[in-house]
């Protein structure tokens, strides 16, 4: 699980790396969920050889792009070792068989400082139609000063294999920006993220914020989005544009009030304007067994309108560490179950 113990709680972060893998989902009445868990994780090649990954962010390009229909950014997270949590690119033509694109050596970025002083995380993949490029936004958690500073970095690529230098776009103190996720509404780029306040992983409340941009580089000051998950604290998010519905959909990894960020399950939300969101009391995906029995974390979605098919790639912690699974279901049936 991703313990964001910044903003003066660096010791807590180190305790997590050494021992928090024993944390389990807190006792609570689990909400009935709207989609089935995967029976087994997908195989995800990683530069460290572990195959353990977290926080998938996917772009599905049905007409293909540089030889592949599916592009993915993930971070290796072997047994919750954040020193390996560097953004890595995988590609596929079926959404299940993942490879490292030819000519690429993962990761696409490494911290330029001692691992004990900070790390990278929270990658988000965006396809920019205007430039015909892939962009990866991700967080640099900088422990080199006090208080801790979180930076949003971006790299771009014309082919998925060759990546630009990182550009530092946004920086804020402590845990005031987590899990950035980018989409467009009209000609405007939106970045949604989670403001974790000062308590980080143990926060009793967070705020989902959004920033806007005309170019994906220069961003406005944050504004609060109208979104909450009653009874839960929103921790990590991933947004996806659904043109056929004229909506933005979002998956929310959230933990019960009174808990902490190692107890997340997955919820679903949707919005017509990116500001006002409808959430549902029932979880979209709760913990399963064995490989995903510990927690369900940041996840990615894609909607196939011709089949009314909701597709989800999700990261989870279980008896084999951190893995990525895949599930799908009829959207109308999924939505009906959430509303019951």
Protein backbone atom coordinates (compact mmCIF):
# COMPACT_ATOMS: atom_id res chain seq x y z
CA UNK A 1 0.00 0.00 0.00
CA UNK A 2 1.15 3.52 -0.72
CA UNK A 3 1.64 5.33 2.56
CA UNK A 4 2.00 9.05 1.87
CA UNK A 5 3.62 9.97 5.17
CA UNK A 6 5.10 13.26 4.11
CA UNK A 7 4.76 16.75 5.60
CA UNK A 8 6.88 16.13 8.66
CA UNK A 9 6.11 12.41 8.98
CA UNK A 10 9.17 11.00 7.20
CA UNK A 11 9.74 8.56 10.08
CA UNK A 12 6.30 7.07 9.52
CA UNK A 13 7.20 6.52 5.87
CA UNK A 14 10.34 4.63 6.84
CA UNK A 15 8.37 2.51 9.32
CA UNK A 16 5.98 1.63 6.52
CA UNK A 17 8.77 0.48 4.20
CA UNK A 18 10.13 -1.80 6.91
CA UNK A 19 6.96 -3.19 8.40
CA UNK A 20 3.56 -1.98 7.25
CA UNK A 21 3.02 -4.88 4.88
CA UNK A 22 1.32 -6.62 7.81
CA UNK A 23 -1.56 -4.13 7.75
CA UNK A 24 -4.87 -5.61 6.69
CA UNK A 25 -8.24 -4.17 5.74
CA UNK A 26 -9.98 -2.86 8.83
CA UNK A 27 -13.09 -4.55 10.14
CA UNK A 28 -16.07 -2.88 8.50
CA UNK A 29 -19.23 -3.93 6.77
CA UNK A 30 -18.06 -4.13 3.14
CA UNK A 31 -20.42 -2.49 0.65
CA UNK A 32 -21.87 -4.75 -2.02
CA UNK A 33 -19.81 -4.24 -5.14
CA UNK A 34 -20.75 -3.71 -8.75
CA UNK A 35 -18.25 -5.82 -10.70
CA UNK A 36 -16.39 -9.10 -10.20
CA UNK A 37 -12.78 -9.45 -9.09
CA UNK A 38 -10.23 -10.98 -11.44
CA UNK A 39 -9.38 -14.57 -10.59
CA UNK A 40 -5.67 -13.96 -11.25
CA UNK A 41 -3.42 -10.99 -12.00
CA UNK A 42 -1.96 -10.15 -15.38
CA UNK A 43 1.73 -10.64 -16.13
CA UNK A 44 3.53 -7.30 -16.12
CA UNK A 45 7.25 -7.26 -16.97
CA UNK A 46 9.23 -4.87 -14.76
CA UNK A 47 12.79 -3.60 -14.97
CA UNK A 48 13.53 -4.94 -11.48
CA UNK A 49 12.32 -8.44 -12.36
CA UNK A 50 9.67 -8.60 -9.65
CA UNK A 51 6.60 -8.31 -11.87
CA UNK A 52 4.94 -6.36 -9.05
CA UNK A 53 3.29 -3.12 -10.13
CA UNK A 54 0.96 -0.45 -8.79
CA UNK A 55 -1.23 2.39 -10.08
CA UNK A 56 -1.92 1.47 -13.72
CA UNK A 57 -2.91 4.27 -16.06
CA UNK A 58 -3.97 3.20 -19.54
CA UNK A 59 -4.71 4.67 -22.94
CA UNK A 60 -6.68 2.55 -25.39
CA UNK A 61 -6.29 3.68 -28.99
CA UNK A 62 -8.46 1.32 -31.06
CA UNK A 63 -6.95 2.41 -34.39
CA UNK A 64 -3.47 1.72 -33.05
CA UNK A 65 -0.61 4.07 -32.28
CA UNK A 66 2.99 3.22 -33.14
CA UNK A 67 2.12 -0.45 -33.43
CA UNK A 68 -0.04 -0.94 -30.34
CA UNK A 69 -3.63 -0.33 -29.27
CA UNK A 70 -2.98 -0.32 -25.52
CA UNK A 71 -0.40 1.82 -23.75
CA UNK A 72 0.19 1.61 -20.02
CA UNK A 73 2.24 3.35 -17.36
CA UNK A 74 2.85 1.47 -14.13
CA UNK A 75 5.35 1.66 -11.30
CA UNK A 76 7.17 -1.41 -9.94
CA UNK A 77 6.42 -1.73 -6.23
CA UNK A 78 8.02 -4.98 -5.06
CA UNK A 79 6.77 -5.72 -1.56
CA UNK A 80 6.06 -1.99 -1.16
CA UNK A 81 9.62 -0.87 -1.92
CA UNK A 82 9.16 2.70 -3.15
CA UNK A 83 12.79 2.99 -4.28
CA UNK A 84 11.71 0.95 -7.34
CA UNK A 85 8.54 2.97 -7.91
CA UNK A 86 9.66 4.62 -11.13
CA UNK A 87 7.35 5.18 -14.12
CA UNK A 88 7.56 2.40 -16.68
CA UNK A 89 5.84 1.97 -20.04
CA UNK A 90 4.24 -1.22 -21.36
CA UNK A 91 2.27 -1.85 -24.56
CA UNK A 92 -0.18 -4.46 -25.82
CA UNK A 93 -2.55 -5.29 -28.65
CA UNK A 94 -5.08 -7.12 -26.51
CA UNK A 95 -4.94 -5.43 -23.09
CA UNK A 96 -3.62 -8.62 -21.51
CA UNK A 97 -0.22 -9.53 -23.02
CA UNK A 98 2.11 -6.72 -22.04
CA UNK A 99 5.60 -6.03 -23.40
CA UNK A 100 8.19 -3.30 -23.17
CA UNK A 101 7.94 -1.35 -26.46
CA UNK A 102 10.89 -1.96 -28.81
CA UNK A 103 13.71 0.51 -28.27
CA UNK A 104 12.66 1.42 -24.72
CA UNK A 105 14.57 0.66 -21.55
CA UNK A 106 12.42 1.12 -18.45
CA UNK A 107 12.03 3.11 -16.29
CA UNK A 108 11.53 6.31 -18.22
CA UNK A 109 12.76 8.33 -15.24
CA UNK A 110 14.75 7.81 -12.06
CA UNK A 111 15.13 10.07 -9.04
CA UNK A 112 18.23 12.21 -9.37
CA UNK A 113 18.82 12.08 -5.63
CA UNK A 114 19.57 9.43 -3.03
CA UNK A 115 16.57 7.07 -2.70
CA UNK A 116 16.37 7.80 1.02
CA UNK A 117 15.65 11.45 0.20
CA UNK A 118 12.57 10.89 -1.93
CA UNK A 119 11.01 8.88 -4.72
CA UNK A 120 8.72 8.94 -7.77
CA UNK A 121 5.13 7.67 -7.92
CA UNK A 122 1.54 8.17 -9.17
CA UNK A 123 2.09 8.02 -12.92
CA UNK A 124 -0.76 9.09 -15.22
CA UNK A 125 -0.75 8.41 -18.97
CA UNK A 126 -2.41 10.83 -21.39
CA UNK A 127 -2.66 10.71 -25.19
CA UNK A 128 -2.65 14.21 -26.64
CA UNK A 129 -4.43 14.17 -29.99
CA UNK A 130 -3.29 17.71 -30.86
CA UNK A 131 0.40 16.76 -30.78
CA UNK A 132 -0.06 13.01 -31.43
CA UNK A 133 2.08 12.32 -28.36
CA UNK A 134 1.89 10.33 -25.17
CA UNK A 135 2.40 12.34 -22.01
CA UNK A 136 3.20 10.90 -18.60
CA UNK A 137 2.51 13.00 -15.51
CA UNK A 138 3.92 11.75 -12.22
CA UNK A 139 4.88 12.84 -8.72
CA UNK A 140 8.35 13.47 -7.35
CA UNK A 141 8.18 13.27 -3.56
CA UNK A 142 11.10 15.43 -2.52
CA UNK A 143 12.39 14.80 1.02
CA UNK A 144 15.49 16.96 0.58
CA UNK A 145 14.08 19.83 2.61
CA UNK A 146 11.58 20.57 5.32
CA UNK A 147 8.72 20.57 4.82
CA UNK A 148 8.52 17.88 2.17
CA UNK A 149 7.62 19.13 -1.32
CA UNK A 150 5.58 17.27 -3.95
CA UNK A 151 6.29 18.07 -7.60
CA UNK A 152 4.22 17.15 -10.66
CA UNK A 153 6.59 16.25 -13.50
CA UNK A 154 5.79 15.53 -17.14
CA UNK A 155 7.53 13.67 -19.94
CA UNK A 156 6.35 13.44 -23.56
CA UNK A 157 6.97 10.95 -26.35
CA UNK A 158 6.25 10.87 -30.10
CA UNK A 159 6.43 7.06 -30.28
CA UNK A 160 6.23 5.56 -26.77
CA UNK A 161 9.88 4.55 -26.80
CA UNK A 162 11.76 7.85 -26.77
CA UNK A 163 10.93 10.27 -23.97
CA UNK A 164 11.74 13.92 -23.38
CA UNK A 165 13.43 15.32 -20.33
CA UNK A 166 11.16 15.85 -17.34
CA UNK A 167 9.50 19.24 -16.93
CA UNK A 168 8.58 20.42 -13.43
CA UNK A 169 5.02 21.78 -13.69
CA UNK A 170 3.56 22.15 -10.21
CA UNK A 171 5.03 21.95 -6.73
CA UNK A 172 3.27 22.18 -3.39
CA UNK A 173 4.17 21.50 0.24
CA UNK A 174 3.64 18.10 1.80
CA UNK A 175 0.74 15.97 0.59
CA UNK A 176 -1.22 18.74 -1.07
CA UNK A 177 -1.12 16.95 -4.42
CA UNK A 178 -1.53 13.20 -4.89
CA UNK A 179 -2.52 11.01 -7.81
CA UNK A 180 -2.81 13.60 -10.61
CA UNK A 181 -5.02 12.49 -13.50
CA UNK A 182 -5.47 14.39 -16.76
CA UNK A 183 -8.26 14.61 -19.35
CA UNK A 184 -9.66 17.25 -21.69
CA UNK A 185 -13.06 18.88 -21.71
CA UNK A 186 -13.44 20.73 -24.98
CA UNK A 187 -10.13 22.48 -25.62
CA UNK A 188 -9.22 22.71 -21.94
CA UNK A 189 -6.92 20.31 -20.13
CA UNK A 190 -8.04 19.32 -16.63
CA UNK A 191 -5.84 17.90 -13.90
CA UNK A 192 -7.68 16.38 -10.94
CA UNK A 193 -5.71 15.44 -7.85
CA UNK A 194 -6.17 14.71 -4.16
CA UNK A 195 -5.14 17.19 -1.46
CA UNK A 196 -4.17 15.08 1.53
CA UNK A 197 -3.74 17.98 3.95
CA UNK A 198 -1.10 17.53 6.63
CA UNK A 199 -1.87 14.05 7.95
CA UNK A 200 -1.12 12.10 4.79
CA UNK A 201 -1.99 8.43 4.98
CA UNK A 202 -3.84 8.91 8.25
CA UNK A 203 -5.91 11.84 7.06
CA UNK A 204 -9.47 12.07 8.37
CA UNK A 205 -10.49 13.98 5.26
CA UNK A 206 -9.16 14.93 1.84
CA UNK A 207 -10.24 17.25 -0.96
CA UNK A 208 -10.35 16.45 -4.66
CA UNK A 209 -9.11 19.49 -6.56
CA UNK A 210 -8.82 20.40 -10.21
CA UNK A 211 -6.53 22.67 -12.19
CA UNK A 212 -7.02 23.81 -15.79
CA UNK A 213 -4.59 24.50 -18.61
CA UNK A 214 -4.56 25.58 -22.23
CA UNK A 215 -1.48 23.54 -23.12
CA UNK A 216 -1.04 20.80 -20.51
CA UNK A 217 2.04 22.55 -19.11
CA UNK A 218 0.94 25.80 -17.47
CA UNK A 219 -1.70 25.11 -14.84
CA UNK A 220 -4.10 27.30 -12.90
CA UNK A 221 -4.38 27.43 -9.15
CA UNK A 222 -6.43 24.56 -7.71
CA UNK A 223 -10.16 24.69 -7.09
CA UNK A 224 -12.18 22.22 -5.05
CA UNK A 225 -14.29 19.76 -7.01
CA UNK A 226 -17.76 18.93 -5.72
CA UNK A 227 -17.16 15.29 -4.90
CA UNK A 228 -17.24 13.16 -1.77
CA UNK A 229 -17.61 9.51 -0.88
CA UNK A 230 -19.79 9.35 2.29
CA UNK A 231 -18.20 7.24 5.00
CA UNK A 232 -14.86 7.14 3.19
CA UNK A 233 -11.74 9.23 2.62
CA UNK A 234 -10.77 9.59 -1.05
CA UNK A 235 -7.09 8.79 -1.49
CA UNK A 236 -6.17 8.10 -5.14
CA UNK A 237 -8.12 8.75 -8.35
CA UNK A 238 -8.05 8.09 -12.09
CA UNK A 239 -10.25 9.90 -14.62
CA UNK A 240 -11.30 8.85 -18.13
CA UNK A 241 -13.18 10.76 -20.81
CA UNK A 242 -16.26 8.97 -22.18
CA UNK A 243 -17.25 10.91 -25.34
CA UNK A 244 -20.27 8.73 -26.13
CA UNK A 245 -21.81 9.70 -22.78
CA UNK A 246 -20.43 13.27 -22.81
CA UNK A 247 -19.10 12.56 -19.34
CA UNK A 248 -15.90 12.13 -17.36
CA UNK A 249 -15.79 8.96 -15.28
CA UNK A 250 -13.55 8.45 -12.29
CA UNK A 251 -12.40 5.54 -10.16
CA UNK A 252 -11.76 6.46 -6.52
CA UNK A 253 -9.55 4.43 -4.21
CA UNK A 254 -10.91 5.34 -0.76
CA UNK A 255 -10.58 4.08 2.81
CA UNK A 256 -13.20 4.03 5.61
CA UNK A 257 -13.46 7.02 7.94
CA UNK A 258 -11.23 6.35 10.92
CA UNK A 259 -8.92 4.14 8.88
CA UNK A 260 -5.80 4.83 6.86
CA UNK A 261 -4.66 4.55 3.27
CA UNK A 262 -3.76 0.86 3.43
CA UNK A 263 -7.46 -0.07 3.54
CA UNK A 264 -8.75 1.25 0.22
CA UNK A 265 -11.49 -0.19 -1.95
CA UNK A 266 -12.67 1.16 -5.32
CA UNK A 267 -15.63 3.46 -6.00
CA UNK A 268 -17.05 4.92 -9.21
CA UNK A 269 -18.07 8.51 -9.99
CA UNK A 270 -19.18 10.43 -13.06
CA UNK A 271 -19.48 14.07 -14.10
CA UNK A 272 -20.75 16.13 -17.02
CA UNK A 273 -18.54 19.13 -16.30
CA UNK A 274 -15.53 17.87 -14.33
CA UNK A 275 -16.56 19.92 -11.31
CA UNK A 276 -19.78 18.37 -10.00
CA UNK A 277 -19.64 14.62 -9.48
CA UNK A 278 -22.17 11.89 -8.75
CA UNK A 279 -20.89 9.13 -6.48
CA UNK A 280 -22.49 5.87 -5.32
CA UNK A 281 -22.69 4.30 -1.88
CA UNK A 282 -21.76 0.83 -3.10
CA UNK A 283 -18.18 -0.02 -3.97
CA UNK A 284 -17.37 -0.73 -7.59
CA UNK A 285 -14.74 -3.26 -6.51
CA UNK A 286 -13.91 -4.57 -3.03
CA UNK A 287 -11.10 -6.85 -1.92
CA UNK A 288 -11.17 -10.39 -3.23
CA UNK A 289 -9.12 -13.40 -2.21
CA UNK A 290 -5.48 -14.39 -2.39
CA UNK A 291 -3.80 -12.08 -4.91
CA UNK A 292 -6.14 -9.09 -4.32
CA UNK A 293 -7.28 -9.78 -0.76
CA UNK A 294 -5.40 -6.93 0.96
CA UNK A 295 -6.70 -3.79 -0.73
CA UNK A 296 -7.82 -2.40 -4.07
CA UNK A 297 -5.85 0.65 -5.11
CA UNK A 298 -5.59 3.20 -7.94
CA UNK A 299 -7.12 1.74 -11.09
CA UNK A 300 -7.81 2.64 -14.73
CA UNK A 301 -10.92 2.28 -16.89
CA UNK A 302 -12.02 2.31 -20.51
CA UNK A 303 -15.54 2.24 -21.95
CA UNK A 304 -16.46 0.48 -25.21
CA UNK A 305 -19.70 2.15 -26.28
CA UNK A 306 -20.57 -0.30 -29.06
CA UNK A 307 -20.75 -3.13 -26.50
CA UNK A 308 -21.73 -1.03 -23.45
CA UNK A 309 -18.67 -2.60 -21.85
CA UNK A 310 -16.86 -1.17 -18.83
CA UNK A 311 -13.24 -2.37 -18.65
CA UNK A 312 -11.09 -1.92 -15.54
CA UNK A 313 -7.40 -2.57 -14.93
CA UNK A 314 -6.81 -2.38 -11.19
CA UNK A 315 -3.89 -2.56 -8.81
CA UNK A 316 -4.24 -4.61 -5.67
CA UNK A 317 -2.22 -5.97 -2.77
CA UNK A 318 -2.47 -9.60 -1.75
CA UNK A 319 -0.50 -12.73 -1.05
CA UNK A 320 1.88 -12.16 -3.98
CA UNK A 321 2.59 -8.50 -3.29
CA UNK A 322 1.30 -5.79 -5.63
CA UNK A 323 -0.23 -6.87 -8.93
CA UNK A 324 -2.51 -5.61 -11.69
CA UNK A 325 -5.73 -7.41 -12.53
CA UNK A 326 -8.36 -6.97 -15.20
CA UNK A 327 -12.14 -7.14 -15.00
CA UNK A 328 -15.04 -6.07 -17.18
CA UNK A 329 -18.82 -5.93 -17.15
CA UNK A 330 -21.90 -4.53 -18.80
CA UNK A 331 -22.09 -0.85 -17.88
CA UNK A 332 -25.89 -0.65 -17.65
CA UNK A 333 -25.97 -3.64 -15.27
CA UNK A 334 -23.03 -2.22 -13.32
CA UNK A 335 -24.74 1.15 -12.88
CA UNK A 336 -28.05 -0.49 -11.91
CA UNK A 337 -26.33 -2.50 -9.19
CA UNK A 338 -24.59 0.59 -7.81
CA UNK A 339 -27.95 2.39 -7.62
CA UNK A 340 -29.82 -0.38 -5.80
